[in-house]
Structures are given as C-alpha cells and as structure tokens.
C-alpha cells in the first residue's frame, strides 16, 4: 500500500502502477475487458480497509453513511468511447455505491500524454459539482500520477461547500512520489 499527500489530502493506493497492473488497467480501459474490474475492485477495497483516513476505519464509516464515496467521473468522450465509467465500475466491484457528485467538463485532453505542469493546467476547471454531500467525502480514482485530477475534484467540491477528507486509488505511479504536499 502507498500513502501520499495531494493538496493536503491523504491519498492511499492499493499498489504501484507498474508491471502487470499497467497491462490490466490498459485492458480494462482500452480493450473493454470489464471483468478485470473485479480484482481491481478487490484491491481498492483492501486499501480502504487498511487506511486510517478516518478513526475506526473507512469501510465502517462508509457503511454507516458517515463518509460518502465520490468516484472521479470519466470525461464525456471517454464514456462515449467505452460505454462505461472505469472508476465507477471498479468502485461497484469494491462494493461501493458512489454519489455522482461530480461531472467532468473542460478540455478533456488525455492526461497520459501530459507532463506535470500540463496536467495541472488541463485539470483546472475539469469538474463541476452536481450535488454537495452533507457528510465528509472520500474521493475514489483508478490511478494517481501527479495528483492533478484529485486536486481538481477536491477543489471543486470544497468550493461548493463539501468536506473532502482524502482519497483512495487502485494504483499510484511510483516514480512520482514526493514529500511535497502538491504531490
């Protein structure tokens, strides 16, 4: 399990985005192999069970509706291309029912081809808030690289009045870990 900080938020990742994990994620995203969401969901659930983002544990807090999971939404273009939201599918396989609090807007450039500064620029204004959860929120995503997407989601929710307490992801790009709070 990996821990890091992005924009002051604790981020917990189940595994490194390296080796076979890259191939599995690509097969899910590019090849439509949705059955791969099951083991990725299990990994996400495992990370949720081991994190200390909230006292008493994140899984019990979500089960008691004391914390609301919010999945990072796919861009409209990615959803049209795939026919499903990758993060939402993985979250469902982890046993989560995420509140659709965010909607993806903006340029929709593929973040994979962008460096750190370009990711930051591309993620500005990336999300609008559809509904403001009344309880604290934990963000759910597939892969954290620079943290730009998580930062944009947290900023949008916080600007609307939500409390974002952290994030859990399936994987994290290991080469970009930094003690820097901007992650």
C-alpha atoms as a PDB file:
ATOM      1  CA  UNK A   1       0.000   0.000   0.000  1.00  0.00           C
ATOM      2  CA  UNK A   2       1.175   3.520  -0.805  1.00  0.00           C
ATOM      3  CA  UNK A   3       0.486   6.739   1.086  1.00  0.00           C
ATOM      4  CA  UNK A   4       0.982  10.262  -0.167  1.00  0.00           C
ATOM      5  CA  UNK A   5      -0.462  13.744   0.209  1.00  0.00           C
ATOM      6  CA  UNK A   6      -2.166  15.690  -2.588  1.00  0.00           C
ATOM      7  CA  UNK A   7      -3.320  19.243  -1.893  1.00  0.00           C
ATOM      8  CA  UNK A   8      -3.358  18.473   1.825  1.00  0.00           C
ATOM      9  CA  UNK A   9      -5.416  15.289   1.372  1.00  0.00           C
ATOM     10  CA  UNK A  10      -4.267  11.844   2.412  1.00  0.00           C
ATOM     11  CA  UNK A  11      -4.211   9.520  -0.614  1.00  0.00           C
ATOM     12  CA  UNK A  12      -3.959   5.767  -0.164  1.00  0.00           C
ATOM     13  CA  UNK A  13      -3.246   3.489  -3.136  1.00  0.00           C
ATOM     14  CA  UNK A  14      -3.533  -0.285  -3.167  1.00  0.00           C
ATOM     15  CA  UNK A  15      -0.485  -0.874  -5.375  1.00  0.00           C
ATOM     16  CA  UNK A  16       2.126   0.621  -7.665  1.00  0.00           C
ATOM     17  CA  UNK A  17       1.105   1.404 -11.224  1.00  0.00           C
ATOM     18  CA  UNK A  18       3.831  -0.809 -12.673  1.00  0.00           C
ATOM     19  CA  UNK A  19       4.311  -4.187 -14.304  1.00  0.00           C
ATOM     20  CA  UNK A  20       1.153  -6.273 -14.709  1.00  0.00           C
ATOM     21  CA  UNK A  21      -1.044  -3.582 -13.134  1.00  0.00           C
ATOM     22  CA  UNK A  22      -0.385  -1.343 -16.150  1.00  0.00           C
ATOM     23  CA  UNK A  23      -1.479  -4.092 -18.546  1.00  0.00           C
ATOM     24  CA  UNK A  24      -4.597  -4.890 -16.541  1.00  0.00           C
ATOM     25  CA  UNK A  25      -5.629  -1.238 -16.358  1.00  0.00           C
ATOM     26  CA  UNK A  26      -4.998  -0.725 -20.082  1.00  0.00           C
ATOM     27  CA  UNK A  27      -7.021  -3.837 -20.923  1.00  0.00           C
ATOM     28  CA  UNK A  28      -9.917  -2.553 -18.838  1.00  0.00           C
ATOM     29  CA  UNK A  29      -9.776   0.934 -20.339  1.00  0.00           C
ATOM     30  CA  UNK A  30      -8.798   0.303 -23.957  1.00  0.00           C
ATOM     31  CA  UNK A  31      -9.981  -3.237 -24.667  1.00  0.00           C
ATOM     32  CA  UNK A  32     -13.261  -3.254 -22.752  1.00  0.00           C
ATOM     33  CA  UNK A  33     -12.241  -6.210 -20.582  1.00  0.00           C
ATOM     34  CA  UNK A  34     -14.666  -5.225 -17.824  1.00  0.00           C
ATOM     35  CA  UNK A  35     -14.160  -8.495 -15.939  1.00  0.00           C
ATOM     36  CA  UNK A  36     -10.812  -7.066 -14.829  1.00  0.00           C
ATOM     37  CA  UNK A  37     -12.676  -4.561 -12.672  1.00  0.00           C
ATOM     38  CA  UNK A  38     -13.366  -7.345 -10.162  1.00  0.00           C
ATOM     39  CA  UNK A  39      -9.734  -7.864  -8.998  1.00  0.00           C
ATOM     40  CA  UNK A  40      -9.094  -4.122  -9.193  1.00  0.00           C
ATOM     41  CA  UNK A  41     -12.164  -3.552  -7.021  1.00  0.00           C
ATOM     42  CA  UNK A  42     -10.851  -6.114  -4.540  1.00  0.00           C
ATOM     43  CA  UNK A  43      -7.533  -4.241  -4.392  1.00  0.00           C
ATOM     44  CA  UNK A  44      -9.362  -0.937  -3.867  1.00  0.00           C
ATOM     45  CA  UNK A  45     -11.468  -2.488  -1.087  1.00  0.00           C
ATOM     46  CA  UNK A  46      -8.311  -3.852   0.527  1.00  0.00           C
ATOM     47  CA  UNK A  47      -6.700  -0.404   0.552  1.00  0.00           C
ATOM     48  CA  UNK A  48      -9.881   1.074   2.020  1.00  0.00           C
ATOM     49  CA  UNK A  49      -9.747  -1.487   4.807  1.00  0.00           C
ATOM     50  CA  UNK A  50      -6.176  -0.610   5.715  1.00  0.00           C
ATOM     51  CA  UNK A  51      -6.338   3.167   5.633  1.00  0.00           C
ATOM     52  CA  UNK A  52      -6.659   5.363   8.688  1.00  0.00           C
ATOM     53  CA  UNK A  53      -8.223   8.342   6.881  1.00  0.00           C
ATOM     54  CA  UNK A  54     -10.999   8.251   9.499  1.00  0.00           C
ATOM     55  CA  UNK A  55     -10.892   6.918  13.067  1.00  0.00           C
ATOM     56  CA  UNK A  56     -12.415   3.466  13.274  1.00  0.00           C
ATOM     57  CA  UNK A  57     -11.768   2.742   9.607  1.00  0.00           C
ATOM     58  CA  UNK A  58     -13.037   3.919   6.253  1.00  0.00           C
ATOM     59  CA  UNK A  59     -15.081   0.812   5.396  1.00  0.00           C
ATOM     60  CA  UNK A  60     -17.230   1.032   8.556  1.00  0.00           C
ATOM     61  CA  UNK A  61     -17.580   4.813   8.106  1.00  0.00           C
ATOM     62  CA  UNK A  62     -18.883   4.345   4.552  1.00  0.00           C
ATOM     63  CA  UNK A  63     -21.181   1.500   5.644  1.00  0.00           C
ATOM     64  CA  UNK A  64     -22.646   3.776   8.326  1.00  0.00           C
ATOM     65  CA  UNK A  65     -23.009   6.603   5.758  1.00  0.00           C
ATOM     66  CA  UNK A  66     -20.751   8.788   7.902  1.00  0.00           C
ATOM     67  CA  UNK A  67     -18.451   9.205   4.869  1.00  0.00           C
ATOM     68  CA  UNK A  68     -19.650   9.409   1.277  1.00  0.00           C
ATOM     69  CA  UNK A  69     -17.568   7.892  -1.553  1.00  0.00           C
ATOM     70  CA  UNK A  70     -17.396  10.007  -4.716  1.00  0.00           C
ATOM     71  CA  UNK A  71     -15.899   8.442  -7.844  1.00  0.00           C
ATOM     72  CA  UNK A  72     -13.868  10.588 -10.218  1.00  0.00           C
ATOM     73  CA  UNK A  73     -16.066  10.670 -13.337  1.00  0.00           C
ATOM     74  CA  UNK A  74     -14.858   9.804 -16.819  1.00  0.00           C
ATOM     75  CA  UNK A  75     -14.791  12.552 -19.403  1.00  0.00           C
ATOM     76  CA  UNK A  76     -17.778  12.578 -21.736  1.00  0.00           C
ATOM     77  CA  UNK A  77     -15.544  11.480 -24.613  1.00  0.00           C
ATOM     78  CA  UNK A  78     -14.110   8.541 -22.632  1.00  0.00           C
ATOM     79  CA  UNK A  79     -17.583   7.460 -21.526  1.00  0.00           C
ATOM     80  CA  UNK A  80     -18.872   7.563 -25.115  1.00  0.00           C
ATOM     81  CA  UNK A  81     -15.847   5.609 -26.348  1.00  0.00           C
ATOM     82  CA  UNK A  82     -16.043   2.896 -23.656  1.00  0.00           C
ATOM     83  CA  UNK A  83     -19.709   2.868 -22.738  1.00  0.00           C
ATOM     84  CA  UNK A  84     -18.871   2.814 -19.021  1.00  0.00           C
ATOM     85  CA  UNK A  85     -17.036   4.807 -16.362  1.00  0.00           C
ATOM     86  CA  UNK A  86     -13.876   2.950 -15.351  1.00  0.00           C
ATOM     87  CA  UNK A  87     -13.712   4.306 -11.807  1.00  0.00           C
ATOM     88  CA  UNK A  88     -17.422   3.792 -11.145  1.00  0.00           C
ATOM     89  CA  UNK A  89     -17.159   0.187 -12.385  1.00  0.00           C
ATOM     90  CA  UNK A  90     -14.158  -0.543 -10.154  1.00  0.00           C
ATOM     91  CA  UNK A  91     -15.899   1.127  -7.205  1.00  0.00           C
ATOM     92  CA  UNK A  92     -19.011  -1.034  -7.701  1.00  0.00           C
ATOM     93  CA  UNK A  93     -16.804  -4.140  -7.756  1.00  0.00           C
ATOM     94  CA  UNK A  94     -15.341  -2.900  -4.452  1.00  0.00           C
ATOM     95  CA  UNK A  95     -18.883  -2.833  -3.043  1.00  0.00           C
ATOM     96  CA  UNK A  96     -19.226   0.948  -3.130  1.00  0.00           C
ATOM     97  CA  UNK A  97     -22.227   2.968  -4.164  1.00  0.00           C
ATOM     98  CA  UNK A  98     -20.678   6.300  -5.071  1.00  0.00           C
ATOM     99  CA  UNK A  99     -22.597   9.543  -5.024  1.00  0.00           C
ATOM    100  CA  UNK A 100     -22.444  11.131  -8.507  1.00  0.00           C
ATOM    101  CA  UNK A 101     -21.461  14.491  -7.022  1.00  0.00           C
ATOM    102  CA  UNK A 102     -19.095  15.494  -9.838  1.00  0.00           C
ATOM    103  CA  UNK A 103     -19.465  15.979 -13.570  1.00  0.00           C
ATOM    104  CA  UNK A 104     -16.489  16.129 -15.902  1.00  0.00           C
ATOM    105  CA  UNK A 105     -16.244  19.273 -18.035  1.00  0.00           C
ATOM    106  CA  UNK A 106     -13.458  21.160 -19.754  1.00  0.00           C
ATOM    107  CA  UNK A 107     -10.919  20.304 -22.384  1.00  0.00           C
ATOM    108  CA  UNK A 108     -10.958  16.559 -21.898  1.00  0.00           C
ATOM    109  CA  UNK A 109      -7.354  16.146 -23.079  1.00  0.00           C
ATOM    110  CA  UNK A 110      -5.950  12.730 -22.263  1.00  0.00           C
ATOM    111  CA  UNK A 111      -3.798  13.253 -19.168  1.00  0.00           C
ATOM    112  CA  UNK A 112      -1.482  10.325 -20.033  1.00  0.00           C
ATOM    113  CA  UNK A 113       0.354  12.320 -22.693  1.00  0.00           C
ATOM    114  CA  UNK A 114       0.886  15.360 -20.453  1.00  0.00           C
ATOM    115  CA  UNK A 115       3.684  16.289 -18.083  1.00  0.00           C
ATOM    116  CA  UNK A 116       3.181  17.591 -14.551  1.00  0.00           C
ATOM    117  CA  UNK A 117       2.653  21.280 -15.436  1.00  0.00           C
ATOM    118  CA  UNK A 118       0.411  20.469 -18.400  1.00  0.00           C
ATOM    119  CA  UNK A 119      -1.675  18.130 -16.226  1.00  0.00           C
ATOM    120  CA  UNK A 120      -2.175  20.929 -13.718  1.00  0.00           C
ATOM    121  CA  UNK A 121      -3.319  23.330 -16.459  1.00  0.00           C
ATOM    122  CA  UNK A 122      -5.525  20.700 -18.096  1.00  0.00           C
ATOM    123  CA  UNK A 123      -7.235  19.818 -14.805  1.00  0.00           C
ATOM    124  CA  UNK A 124      -8.229  23.381 -13.914  1.00  0.00           C
ATOM    125  CA  UNK A 125     -11.997  23.637 -14.143  1.00  0.00           C
ATOM    126  CA  UNK A 126     -12.195  19.931 -15.016  1.00  0.00           C
ATOM    127  CA  UNK A 127     -15.196  19.294 -12.746  1.00  0.00           C
ATOM    128  CA  UNK A 128     -18.470  20.884 -11.791  1.00  0.00           C
ATOM    129  CA  UNK A 129     -20.423  19.847  -8.733  1.00  0.00           C
ATOM    130  CA  UNK A 130     -23.786  18.187  -9.339  1.00  0.00           C
ATOM    131  CA  UNK A 131     -24.701  17.834  -5.673  1.00  0.00           C
ATOM    132  CA  UNK A 132     -22.998  18.793  -2.441  1.00  0.00           C
ATOM    133  CA  UNK A 133     -22.769  15.920   0.031  1.00  0.00           C
ATOM    134  CA  UNK A 134     -23.740  16.885   3.566  1.00  0.00           C
ATOM    135  CA  UNK A 135     -21.265  14.441   5.077  1.00  0.00           C
ATOM    136  CA  UNK A 136     -17.488  14.175   4.531  1.00  0.00           C
ATOM    137  CA  UNK A 137     -16.354  12.812   1.171  1.00  0.00           C
ATOM    138  CA  UNK A 138     -13.633  10.361   0.194  1.00  0.00           C
ATOM    139  CA  UNK A 139     -12.607  10.512  -3.483  1.00  0.00           C
ATOM    140  CA  UNK A 140     -12.206   7.261  -5.413  1.00  0.00           C
ATOM    141  CA  UNK A 141      -9.975   7.025  -8.507  1.00  0.00           C
ATOM    142  CA  UNK A 142      -8.163   4.386 -10.527  1.00  0.00           C
ATOM    143  CA  UNK A 143      -4.618   5.760 -10.822  1.00  0.00           C
ATOM    144  CA  UNK A 144      -2.929   8.773  -9.230  1.00  0.00           C
ATOM    145  CA  UNK A 145       0.044  10.125 -11.136  1.00  0.00           C
ATOM    146  CA  UNK A 146       0.706  13.788 -10.341  1.00  0.00           C
ATOM    147  CA  UNK A 147      -2.448  14.257  -8.276  1.00  0.00           C
ATOM    148  CA  UNK A 148      -3.834  16.941 -10.610  1.00  0.00           C
ATOM    149  CA  UNK A 149      -7.171  15.192 -11.142  1.00  0.00           C
ATOM    150  CA  UNK A 150      -7.709  14.517  -7.435  1.00  0.00           C
ATOM    151  CA  UNK A 151      -6.742  18.102  -6.648  1.00  0.00           C
ATOM    152  CA  UNK A 152      -9.237  19.467  -9.202  1.00  0.00           C
ATOM    153  CA  UNK A 153     -12.022  17.245  -7.852  1.00  0.00           C
ATOM    154  CA  UNK A 154     -11.307  18.185  -4.239  1.00  0.00           C
ATOM    155  CA  UNK A 155     -11.132  21.896  -5.069  1.00  0.00           C
ATOM    156  CA  UNK A 156     -14.458  21.801  -6.933  1.00  0.00           C
ATOM    157  CA  UNK A 157     -16.192  20.001  -4.073  1.00  0.00           C
ATOM    158  CA  UNK A 158     -14.645  22.214  -1.401  1.00  0.00           C
ATOM    159  CA  UNK A 159     -15.589  25.381  -3.299  1.00  0.00           C
ATOM    160  CA  UNK A 160     -19.187  24.130  -3.278  1.00  0.00           C
ATOM    161  CA  UNK A 161     -19.076  23.586   0.488  1.00  0.00           C
ATOM    162  CA  UNK A 162     -18.222  19.877   0.761  1.00  0.00           C
ATOM    163  CA  UNK A 163     -15.626  18.461   3.130  1.00  0.00           C
ATOM    164  CA  UNK A 164     -13.138  16.187   1.366  1.00  0.00           C
ATOM    165  CA  UNK A 165     -11.183  14.062   3.835  1.00  0.00           C
ATOM    166  CA  UNK A 166      -8.988  12.027   1.498  1.00  0.00           C
ATOM    167  CA  UNK A 167      -8.801   9.713  -1.480  1.00  0.00           C
ATOM    168  CA  UNK A 168      -8.315   6.036  -2.222  1.00  0.00           C
ATOM    169  CA  UNK A 169      -6.992   4.788  -5.554  1.00  0.00           C
ATOM    170  CA  UNK A 170      -6.279   1.409  -7.050  1.00  0.00           C
ATOM    171  CA  UNK A 171      -2.751   2.337  -8.083  1.00  0.00           C
ATOM    172  CA  UNK A 172      -0.144   5.060  -7.959  1.00  0.00           C
ATOM    173  CA  UNK A 173       2.676   5.850 -10.340  1.00  0.00           C
ATOM    174  CA  UNK A 174       5.695   5.044  -8.158  1.00  0.00           C
ATOM    175  CA  UNK A 175       8.275   7.306  -9.796  1.00  0.00           C
ATOM    176  CA  UNK A 176       6.402  10.475  -8.959  1.00  0.00           C
ATOM    177  CA  UNK A 177       6.127  10.074  -5.204  1.00  0.00           C
ATOM    178  CA  UNK A 178       7.180  13.201  -3.453  1.00  0.00           C
ATOM    179  CA  UNK A 179       7.073  14.530   0.095  1.00  0.00           C
ATOM    180  CA  UNK A 180       5.812  17.769  -1.484  1.00  0.00           C
ATOM    181  CA  UNK A 181       2.205  18.382  -0.415  1.00  0.00           C
ATOM    182  CA  UNK A 182       1.340  19.327  -4.006  1.00  0.00           C
ATOM    183  CA  UNK A 183       2.081  15.662  -4.801  1.00  0.00           C
END
